[in-house]
Amino acid sequence: MTSVDATNARRPLSLVERRVLGVLVEKQKTTDTYPLSLNALTVGCNQKSNRHPVLDLREDQVEETLEGLRRDGFVTQVIGGRVDKWKHRLYEAWGVSGVELAILAELLLRGPQTEGELRGHTSRMEPIADLETLRSHLNALAQRGLVVYLTELGRRGTIVTHGFHDPAELEHIRSRQPALPEELPPPPPSDLHASALGELRAAVDQMRLELDQLRSQVQRILTELGLNSRES
């Protein structure tokens, strides 16, 4: 069995390599038919749901990709039974937990995503309680270069991707991300105080006006009744 060199484990992956590895992780976590035959793996690579972009790979393309991944220690072949099968070795290659591997698999299968999208997609393989939990995993992966933030960290709508793009591709992807809207800071306390004070003064002035009107109405009624405030 080929071991994985630490440097090689972080090398850029081609689109087909990403798809093959993503499918192997996905099927391991969501089906009971893992490891996968070459045919089953090819079908999974060309699946239309949970994939971006949708591909149309041939078995010989997938097989050639598997051979390259096997040489580098990312996958291993299971020989026996009617057909040979394949399984990944990414826990050893990347030194990740089950949740972290599910996060990486979703990024390999779909590409860049917002944190909210990623949490929803990953939860079909591994449950993630909330965004804060996801962010703790993303931060750990980012520190090791396995995840890359494409937009500002900690903002609503932050977009992330996996760390297996080559530099030119990553720069192209980063340049296509929309700028997040500016978040306006809250007004300083002095402005809030001035605004509240102005509203209070306006309310007092209105109450004074209504009181004067009420006094005038009472005086008019007393006059009509032949009374006045002095006599009473």
Protein backbone atom coordinates (compact mmCIF):
# COMPACT_ATOMS: atom_id res chain seq x y z
CA MET A 1 0.00 0.00 0.00
CA THR A 2 1.47 3.36 -1.04
CA SER A 3 1.97 5.86 1.77
CA VAL A 4 1.09 9.52 1.27
CA ASP A 5 3.86 12.10 1.40
CA ALA A 6 2.81 15.10 3.51
CA THR A 7 3.62 17.57 0.72
CA ASN A 8 1.96 15.46 -1.97
CA ALA A 9 -1.19 15.19 0.14
CA ARG A 10 -1.77 18.94 -0.36
CA ARG A 11 -1.10 18.98 -4.10
CA PRO A 12 -3.65 20.55 -6.49
CA LEU A 13 -6.27 18.12 -7.79
CA SER A 14 -7.75 18.07 -11.28
CA LEU A 15 -11.51 18.37 -11.72
CA VAL A 16 -11.85 14.63 -12.34
CA GLU A 17 -9.69 13.78 -9.31
CA ARG A 18 -11.88 16.00 -7.13
CA ARG A 19 -15.01 14.34 -8.44
CA VAL A 20 -13.68 10.81 -7.90
CA LEU A 21 -12.54 11.51 -4.34
CA GLY A 22 -15.72 13.38 -3.48
CA VAL A 23 -17.89 10.52 -4.72
CA LEU A 24 -15.88 7.92 -2.79
CA VAL A 25 -16.36 9.88 0.45
CA GLU A 26 -20.04 10.56 -0.26
CA LYS A 27 -20.88 6.92 -0.98
CA GLN A 28 -18.92 5.73 2.04
CA LYS A 29 -21.01 7.99 4.28
CA THR A 30 -24.44 7.65 2.64
CA THR A 31 -24.71 4.11 1.21
CA ASP A 32 -24.07 0.50 2.19
CA THR A 33 -22.50 -0.43 -1.16
CA TYR A 34 -19.03 0.96 -0.42
CA PRO A 35 -16.25 0.29 -1.63
CA LEU A 36 -17.29 1.08 -5.19
CA SER A 37 -16.80 -0.78 -8.44
CA LEU A 38 -15.45 1.16 -11.39
CA ASN A 39 -18.91 1.21 -12.93
CA ALA A 40 -20.61 2.43 -9.74
CA LEU A 41 -17.97 5.11 -9.28
CA THR A 42 -18.39 6.33 -12.85
CA VAL A 43 -22.16 6.54 -12.39
CA GLY A 44 -21.61 8.51 -9.17
CA CYS A 45 -19.23 10.90 -10.92
CA ASN A 46 -21.83 11.61 -13.62
CA GLN A 47 -24.73 11.96 -11.18
CA LYS A 48 -26.78 15.09 -11.80
CA SER A 49 -27.82 15.83 -8.22
CA ASN A 50 -25.37 17.21 -5.63
CA ARG A 51 -22.79 17.93 -8.33
CA HIS A 52 -21.33 21.06 -9.93
CA PRO A 53 -20.49 21.00 -12.70
CA VAL A 54 -22.33 17.98 -14.07
CA LEU A 55 -19.83 15.75 -15.88
CA ASP A 56 -20.04 13.00 -18.50
CA LEU A 57 -17.02 10.83 -17.81
CA ARG A 58 -16.18 7.49 -19.40
CA GLU A 59 -15.05 4.49 -17.38
CA ASP A 60 -11.57 4.63 -18.91
CA GLN A 61 -11.20 8.26 -17.75
CA VAL A 62 -12.21 7.34 -14.22
CA GLU A 63 -9.93 4.30 -14.23
CA GLU A 64 -6.95 6.35 -15.39
CA THR A 65 -7.66 8.91 -12.66
CA LEU A 66 -7.88 6.15 -10.04
CA GLU A 67 -4.49 4.81 -11.05
CA GLY A 68 -2.91 8.22 -10.54
CA LEU A 69 -4.63 8.67 -7.17
CA ARG A 70 -3.55 5.18 -6.12
CA ARG A 71 0.09 5.91 -6.93
CA ASP A 72 -0.10 9.00 -4.73
CA GLY A 73 -1.77 7.09 -1.89
CA PHE A 74 -5.19 8.75 -2.02
CA VAL A 75 -7.12 5.58 -2.92
CA THR A 76 -6.61 1.85 -2.71
CA GLN A 77 -7.95 -1.04 -4.78
CA VAL A 78 -9.87 -3.85 -3.07
CA ILE A 79 -9.23 -7.04 -5.02
CA GLY A 80 -11.64 -9.94 -4.67
CA GLY A 81 -15.19 -10.97 -5.44
CA ARG A 82 -16.68 -10.63 -8.89
CA VAL A 83 -15.17 -7.21 -9.57
CA ASP A 84 -12.41 -5.15 -8.04
CA LYS A 85 -13.52 -2.14 -6.00
CA TRP A 86 -12.06 1.14 -4.82
CA LYS A 87 -12.01 3.08 -1.57
CA HIS A 88 -10.38 6.34 -0.47
CA ARG A 89 -7.58 6.80 2.06
CA LEU A 90 -8.26 10.46 2.84
CA TYR A 91 -8.46 10.10 6.61
CA GLU A 92 -4.81 9.09 6.54
CA ALA A 93 -3.81 11.41 3.68
CA TRP A 94 -5.31 14.58 5.13
CA GLY A 95 -5.46 13.71 8.84
CA VAL A 96 -9.08 14.84 9.24
CA SER A 97 -12.11 13.88 11.30
CA GLY A 98 -15.34 12.48 9.87
CA VAL A 99 -17.07 15.88 9.87
CA GLU A 100 -14.06 17.61 8.33
CA LEU A 101 -13.87 15.01 5.57
CA ALA A 102 -17.59 15.46 4.83
CA ILE A 103 -17.05 19.23 4.54
CA LEU A 104 -14.16 18.73 2.13
CA ALA A 105 -16.14 16.18 0.10
CA GLU A 106 -19.01 18.63 -0.40
CA LEU A 107 -16.57 21.30 -1.55
CA LEU A 108 -14.95 18.82 -3.95
CA LEU A 109 -18.35 17.83 -5.34
CA ARG A 110 -19.89 21.29 -5.67
CA GLY A 111 -17.11 23.86 -5.56
CA PRO A 112 -17.33 27.24 -3.76
CA GLN A 113 -20.29 27.70 -1.40
CA THR A 114 -21.53 30.04 1.29
CA GLU A 115 -21.22 28.79 4.84
CA GLY A 116 -25.00 28.33 5.04
CA GLU A 117 -25.11 26.28 1.84
CA LEU A 118 -22.16 24.19 2.95
CA ARG A 119 -23.71 23.39 6.32
CA GLY A 120 -26.95 22.25 4.66
CA HIS A 121 -25.15 20.13 2.07
CA THR A 122 -22.73 18.56 4.55
CA SER A 123 -25.49 17.61 6.96
CA ARG A 124 -26.65 14.84 4.65
CA MET A 125 -23.35 13.08 5.44
CA GLU A 126 -22.49 14.40 8.90
CA PRO A 127 -24.80 16.51 11.12
CA ILE A 128 -23.54 20.01 11.97
CA ALA A 129 -25.49 21.69 14.77
CA ASP A 130 -25.12 25.34 13.70
CA LEU A 131 -22.98 27.82 11.80
CA GLU A 132 -20.64 28.36 14.73
CA THR A 133 -19.86 24.65 14.79
CA LEU A 134 -19.22 24.70 11.04
CA ARG A 135 -16.96 27.74 11.39
CA SER A 136 -14.85 26.03 14.05
CA HIS A 137 -14.21 23.17 11.60
CA LEU A 138 -13.57 25.55 8.71
CA ASN A 139 -11.08 27.58 10.72
CA ALA A 140 -9.15 24.43 11.63
CA LEU A 141 -9.11 23.31 7.99
CA ALA A 142 -8.12 26.77 6.75
CA GLN A 143 -5.13 26.87 9.08
CA ARG A 144 -3.84 23.75 7.35
CA GLY A 145 -4.59 25.03 3.83
CA LEU A 146 -7.34 22.47 3.21
CA VAL A 147 -10.01 25.19 2.97
CA VAL A 148 -9.72 28.69 1.49
CA TYR A 149 -11.94 31.70 2.25
CA LEU A 150 -12.87 33.48 -0.97
CA THR A 151 -14.56 36.42 0.75
CA GLU A 152 -14.08 38.13 4.07
CA LEU A 153 -14.08 35.79 7.06
CA GLY A 154 -16.89 36.10 9.59
CA ARG A 155 -19.28 38.05 7.35
CA ARG A 156 -22.79 37.01 6.43
CA GLY A 157 -22.60 35.13 3.13
CA THR A 158 -18.90 34.27 3.47
CA ILE A 159 -17.85 31.95 0.61
CA VAL A 160 -15.36 29.10 1.00
CA THR A 161 -13.79 26.51 -1.25
CA HIS A 162 -11.39 23.58 -0.88
CA GLY A 163 -7.65 24.09 -0.91
CA PHE A 164 -6.84 21.84 -3.89
CA HIS A 165 -7.08 24.39 -6.70
CA ASP A 166 -3.89 25.36 -8.48
CA PRO A 167 -2.92 29.03 -7.85
CA ALA A 168 -4.12 30.34 -11.23
CA GLU A 169 -7.49 28.61 -10.91
CA LEU A 170 -7.93 29.85 -7.34
CA GLU A 171 -7.19 33.42 -8.37
CA HIS A 172 -9.72 33.16 -11.20
CA ILE A 173 -12.39 31.83 -8.82
CA ARG A 174 -11.63 34.50 -6.25
CA SER A 175 -11.94 37.27 -8.86
CA ARG A 176 -15.44 36.08 -9.81
CA GLN A 177 -16.87 36.30 -6.29
CA PRO A 178 -19.30 39.18 -5.74
CA ALA A 179 -18.27 41.79 -3.22
CA LEU A 180 -20.18 41.56 0.04
CA PRO A 181 -22.27 44.65 0.88
CA GLU A 182 -20.73 47.04 3.34
CA GLU A 183 -22.01 46.60 6.87
CA LEU A 184 -22.83 50.03 8.30
CA PRO A 185 -21.65 50.48 11.89
CA PRO A 186 -24.29 51.38 14.46
CA PRO A 187 -24.56 55.12 15.25
CA PRO A 188 -22.43 56.25 18.17
CA PRO A 189 -24.13 56.49 21.57
CA SER A 190 -24.24 60.30 21.38
CA ASP A 191 -26.29 60.13 18.15
CA LEU A 192 -28.67 57.61 19.67
CA HIS A 193 -29.10 59.87 22.74
CA ALA A 194 -29.76 62.95 20.62
CA SER A 195 -32.34 61.09 18.54
CA ALA A 196 -34.18 59.78 21.60
CA LEU A 197 -34.12 63.20 23.22
CA GLY A 198 -35.60 64.80 20.11
CA GLU A 199 -38.43 62.28 20.03
CA LEU A 200 -39.15 62.88 23.72
CA ARG A 201 -39.32 66.65 23.24
CA ALA A 202 -41.71 66.25 20.31
CA ALA A 203 -43.97 64.04 22.43
CA VAL A 204 -44.00 66.58 25.28
CA ASP A 205 -44.88 69.41 22.88
CA GLN A 206 -47.76 67.34 21.50
CA MET A 207 -49.06 66.62 25.00
CA ARG A 208 -48.95 70.34 25.85
CA LEU A 209 -50.91 71.19 22.72
CA GLU A 210 -53.57 68.58 23.50
CA LEU A 211 -53.81 69.85 27.09
CA ASP A 212 -54.34 73.45 25.92
CA GLN A 213 -57.05 72.26 23.53
CA LEU A 214 -58.76 70.35 26.36
CA ARG A 215 -58.72 73.39 28.62
CA SER A 216 -60.30 75.49 25.86
CA GLN A 217 -63.08 72.92 25.39
CA VAL A 218 -63.84 72.83 29.15
CA GLN A 219 -63.95 76.63 29.32
CA ARG A 220 -66.35 76.76 26.36
CA ILE A 221 -68.69 74.24 27.97
CA LEU A 222 -68.71 76.16 31.25
CA THR A 223 -69.54 79.37 29.41
CA GLU A 224 -72.43 77.72 27.56
CA LEU A 225 -73.82 76.47 30.86
CA GLY A 226 -73.63 79.94 32.35
CA LEU A 227 -70.78 78.98 34.55
CA ASN A 228 -67.20 79.93 34.60
CA SER A 229 -64.19 78.85 36.47
CA ARG A 230 -64.30 81.92 38.79
CA GLU A 231 -67.89 81.23 39.93
CA SER A 232 -67.18 77.56 40.56
